[in-house]
N, C-alpha and C. Protein backbone atom coordinates (compact mmCIF):
# COMPACT_ATOMS: atom_id res chain seq x y z
N MET A 1 -18.49 24.95 0.53
CA MET A 1 -18.69 23.71 -0.17
C MET A 1 -17.73 22.66 0.38
N ASP A 2 -18.25 21.52 0.80
CA ASP A 2 -17.43 20.41 1.30
C ASP A 2 -17.07 19.49 0.15
N VAL A 3 -15.78 19.22 0.02
CA VAL A 3 -15.30 18.29 -0.99
C VAL A 3 -14.60 17.14 -0.29
N LYS A 4 -15.01 15.92 -0.61
CA LYS A 4 -14.40 14.76 0.00
C LYS A 4 -13.40 14.16 -0.99
N VAL A 5 -12.17 14.00 -0.54
CA VAL A 5 -11.11 13.45 -1.37
C VAL A 5 -10.81 12.04 -0.89
N GLN A 6 -10.74 11.11 -1.82
CA GLN A 6 -10.44 9.72 -1.47
C GLN A 6 -8.99 9.43 -1.86
N HIS A 7 -8.17 9.04 -0.89
CA HIS A 7 -6.77 8.71 -1.12
C HIS A 7 -6.67 7.21 -1.29
N VAL A 8 -6.13 6.77 -2.43
CA VAL A 8 -5.98 5.34 -2.72
C VAL A 8 -4.53 5.07 -3.07
N CYS A 9 -3.94 4.09 -2.42
CA CYS A 9 -2.57 3.66 -2.71
C CYS A 9 -2.65 2.33 -3.44
N LEU A 10 -2.17 2.28 -4.67
CA LEU A 10 -2.20 1.07 -5.48
C LEU A 10 -0.86 0.36 -5.38
N ILE A 11 -0.88 -0.91 -4.94
CA ILE A 11 0.36 -1.67 -4.79
C ILE A 11 0.19 -3.04 -5.42
N ASP A 12 1.31 -3.69 -5.72
CA ASP A 12 1.27 -5.02 -6.31
C ASP A 12 1.79 -6.10 -5.37
N ASN A 13 1.99 -5.77 -4.11
CA ASN A 13 2.51 -6.72 -3.13
C ASN A 13 1.43 -7.01 -2.10
N SER A 14 0.96 -8.27 -2.07
CA SER A 14 -0.15 -8.62 -1.17
C SER A 14 0.26 -8.56 0.30
N ALA A 15 1.53 -8.88 0.62
CA ALA A 15 1.98 -8.82 2.01
C ALA A 15 1.95 -7.38 2.53
N THR A 16 2.36 -6.45 1.70
CA THR A 16 2.32 -5.04 2.08
C THR A 16 0.90 -4.58 2.32
N ARG A 17 -0.01 -5.01 1.46
CA ARG A 17 -1.42 -4.64 1.62
C ARG A 17 -1.97 -5.18 2.93
N GLN A 18 -1.66 -6.43 3.25
CA GLN A 18 -2.15 -7.03 4.48
C GLN A 18 -1.60 -6.34 5.72
N ILE A 19 -0.31 -6.00 5.71
CA ILE A 19 0.30 -5.31 6.85
C ILE A 19 -0.28 -3.92 7.03
N SER A 20 -0.56 -3.23 5.92
CA SER A 20 -1.09 -1.87 6.03
C SER A 20 -2.52 -1.85 6.56
N ASN A 21 -3.25 -2.94 6.40
CA ASN A 21 -4.64 -2.98 6.84
C ASN A 21 -4.82 -3.57 8.24
N LYS A 22 -3.75 -4.02 8.89
CA LYS A 22 -3.88 -4.52 10.25
C LYS A 22 -3.51 -3.42 11.25
N ARG A 23 -3.58 -3.71 12.53
CA ARG A 23 -3.23 -2.73 13.57
C ARG A 23 -2.03 -3.22 14.35
N GLY A 24 -1.02 -2.38 14.49
CA GLY A 24 0.16 -2.70 15.28
C GLY A 24 1.17 -3.53 14.52
N SER A 25 2.33 -3.73 15.13
CA SER A 25 3.40 -4.44 14.44
C SER A 25 3.28 -5.95 14.58
N GLY A 26 2.54 -6.43 15.58
CA GLY A 26 2.39 -7.87 15.75
C GLY A 26 3.73 -8.54 15.95
N ARG A 27 4.04 -9.52 15.10
CA ARG A 27 5.30 -10.25 15.21
C ARG A 27 6.39 -9.65 14.32
N LEU A 28 6.09 -8.56 13.64
CA LEU A 28 7.09 -7.92 12.78
C LEU A 28 8.16 -7.25 13.63
N ARG A 29 9.37 -7.28 13.13
CA ARG A 29 10.47 -6.61 13.83
C ARG A 29 11.00 -5.47 12.98
N HIS A 30 11.61 -4.52 13.62
CA HIS A 30 12.24 -3.38 12.94
C HIS A 30 11.23 -2.60 12.09
N VAL A 31 10.10 -2.30 12.67
CA VAL A 31 9.04 -1.58 11.97
C VAL A 31 9.25 -0.08 12.15
N SER A 32 9.17 0.65 11.05
CA SER A 32 9.34 2.10 11.15
C SER A 32 8.02 2.77 11.52
N GLY A 33 8.11 3.99 11.95
CA GLY A 33 6.92 4.76 12.30
C GLY A 33 6.02 5.02 11.11
N LYS A 34 6.60 5.02 9.90
CA LYS A 34 5.81 5.23 8.69
C LYS A 34 4.75 4.15 8.53
N LEU A 35 5.11 2.90 8.85
CA LEU A 35 4.16 1.80 8.73
C LEU A 35 3.01 1.99 9.70
N LEU A 36 3.31 2.37 10.92
CA LEU A 36 2.25 2.58 11.91
C LEU A 36 1.36 3.75 11.51
N TRP A 37 1.93 4.78 10.87
CA TRP A 37 1.13 5.91 10.39
C TRP A 37 0.19 5.44 9.29
N ILE A 38 0.68 4.62 8.37
CA ILE A 38 -0.18 4.09 7.30
C ILE A 38 -1.29 3.24 7.88
N GLN A 39 -0.99 2.41 8.87
CA GLN A 39 -2.03 1.60 9.52
C GLN A 39 -3.08 2.50 10.16
N ASP A 40 -2.64 3.57 10.79
CA ASP A 40 -3.57 4.50 11.42
C ASP A 40 -4.48 5.16 10.39
N GLN A 41 -3.92 5.55 9.25
CA GLN A 41 -4.70 6.19 8.20
C GLN A 41 -5.70 5.23 7.55
N THR A 42 -5.30 3.97 7.36
CA THR A 42 -6.23 3.01 6.77
C THR A 42 -7.35 2.65 7.73
N SER A 43 -7.06 2.58 9.02
CA SER A 43 -8.12 2.26 9.98
C SER A 43 -9.08 3.43 10.15
N ALA A 44 -8.60 4.65 9.94
CA ALA A 44 -9.46 5.84 10.03
C ALA A 44 -10.19 6.11 8.71
N LYS A 45 -9.98 5.25 7.71
CA LYS A 45 -10.63 5.37 6.39
C LYS A 45 -10.21 6.64 5.65
N VAL A 46 -9.02 7.17 5.98
CA VAL A 46 -8.48 8.31 5.27
C VAL A 46 -7.73 7.83 4.03
N LEU A 47 -7.12 6.66 4.14
CA LEU A 47 -6.33 6.08 3.06
C LEU A 47 -6.85 4.67 2.79
N GLU A 48 -6.93 4.31 1.52
CA GLU A 48 -7.34 2.96 1.13
C GLU A 48 -6.20 2.34 0.33
N VAL A 49 -5.83 1.11 0.68
CA VAL A 49 -4.77 0.40 -0.02
C VAL A 49 -5.42 -0.69 -0.86
N LYS A 50 -5.17 -0.64 -2.17
CA LYS A 50 -5.74 -1.62 -3.09
C LYS A 50 -4.63 -2.32 -3.85
N GLN A 51 -4.91 -3.57 -4.21
CA GLN A 51 -3.92 -4.34 -4.94
C GLN A 51 -4.19 -4.27 -6.45
N ILE A 52 -3.11 -4.12 -7.22
CA ILE A 52 -3.20 -4.14 -8.68
C ILE A 52 -2.18 -5.14 -9.21
N ARG A 53 -2.32 -5.50 -10.48
CA ARG A 53 -1.37 -6.41 -11.10
C ARG A 53 -0.01 -5.73 -11.26
N THR A 54 1.04 -6.50 -11.19
CA THR A 54 2.39 -5.97 -11.33
C THR A 54 2.57 -5.25 -12.66
N ALA A 55 1.95 -5.78 -13.71
CA ALA A 55 2.09 -5.17 -15.04
C ALA A 55 1.51 -3.76 -15.10
N LEU A 56 0.59 -3.43 -14.20
CA LEU A 56 -0.04 -2.12 -14.20
C LEU A 56 0.59 -1.15 -13.20
N ASN A 57 1.56 -1.59 -12.43
CA ASN A 57 2.18 -0.76 -11.41
C ASN A 57 3.28 0.10 -12.04
N ILE A 58 2.98 1.36 -12.32
CA ILE A 58 3.95 2.23 -12.99
C ILE A 58 5.16 2.56 -12.11
N GLY A 59 5.04 2.34 -10.82
CA GLY A 59 6.18 2.57 -9.94
C GLY A 59 7.29 1.55 -10.15
N ASP A 60 6.98 0.43 -10.80
CA ASP A 60 7.97 -0.62 -11.05
C ASP A 60 8.58 -0.54 -12.45
N ILE A 61 8.28 0.49 -13.20
CA ILE A 61 8.83 0.59 -14.56
C ILE A 61 10.36 0.62 -14.48
N GLY A 62 10.98 -0.26 -15.21
CA GLY A 62 12.43 -0.34 -15.24
C GLY A 62 13.05 -1.14 -14.12
N THR A 63 12.26 -1.71 -13.23
CA THR A 63 12.82 -2.48 -12.11
C THR A 63 12.68 -3.97 -12.29
N LYS A 64 11.93 -4.40 -13.30
CA LYS A 64 11.71 -5.82 -13.53
C LYS A 64 12.02 -6.16 -14.98
N PRO A 65 12.45 -7.40 -15.23
CA PRO A 65 12.78 -7.77 -16.60
C PRO A 65 11.55 -7.76 -17.51
N LEU A 66 11.76 -7.42 -18.76
CA LEU A 66 10.68 -7.42 -19.74
C LEU A 66 10.50 -8.82 -20.31
N GLY A 67 9.27 -9.17 -20.62
CA GLY A 67 8.97 -10.46 -21.23
C GLY A 67 9.33 -10.46 -22.71
N ARG A 68 9.32 -11.63 -23.33
CA ARG A 68 9.65 -11.75 -24.76
C ARG A 68 8.38 -11.77 -25.56
N HIS A 69 7.72 -10.65 -25.74
CA HIS A 69 6.48 -10.59 -26.51
C HIS A 69 6.72 -10.05 -27.87
């Protein structure tokens, strides 16, 4: 039985999303190999990078000030 798994990375930074979906470092300096690996995975359709609102990004819990609600 073949099972297809879809890998999705949810981020709240539009610049990061744009860099991950392009090919090569371009004009960026000091780029790590991890970034090029992510670009390779997104171009091969193994990984999908999607943008979400900052309020929904659980990776940022405790890193940003809370509003006065």
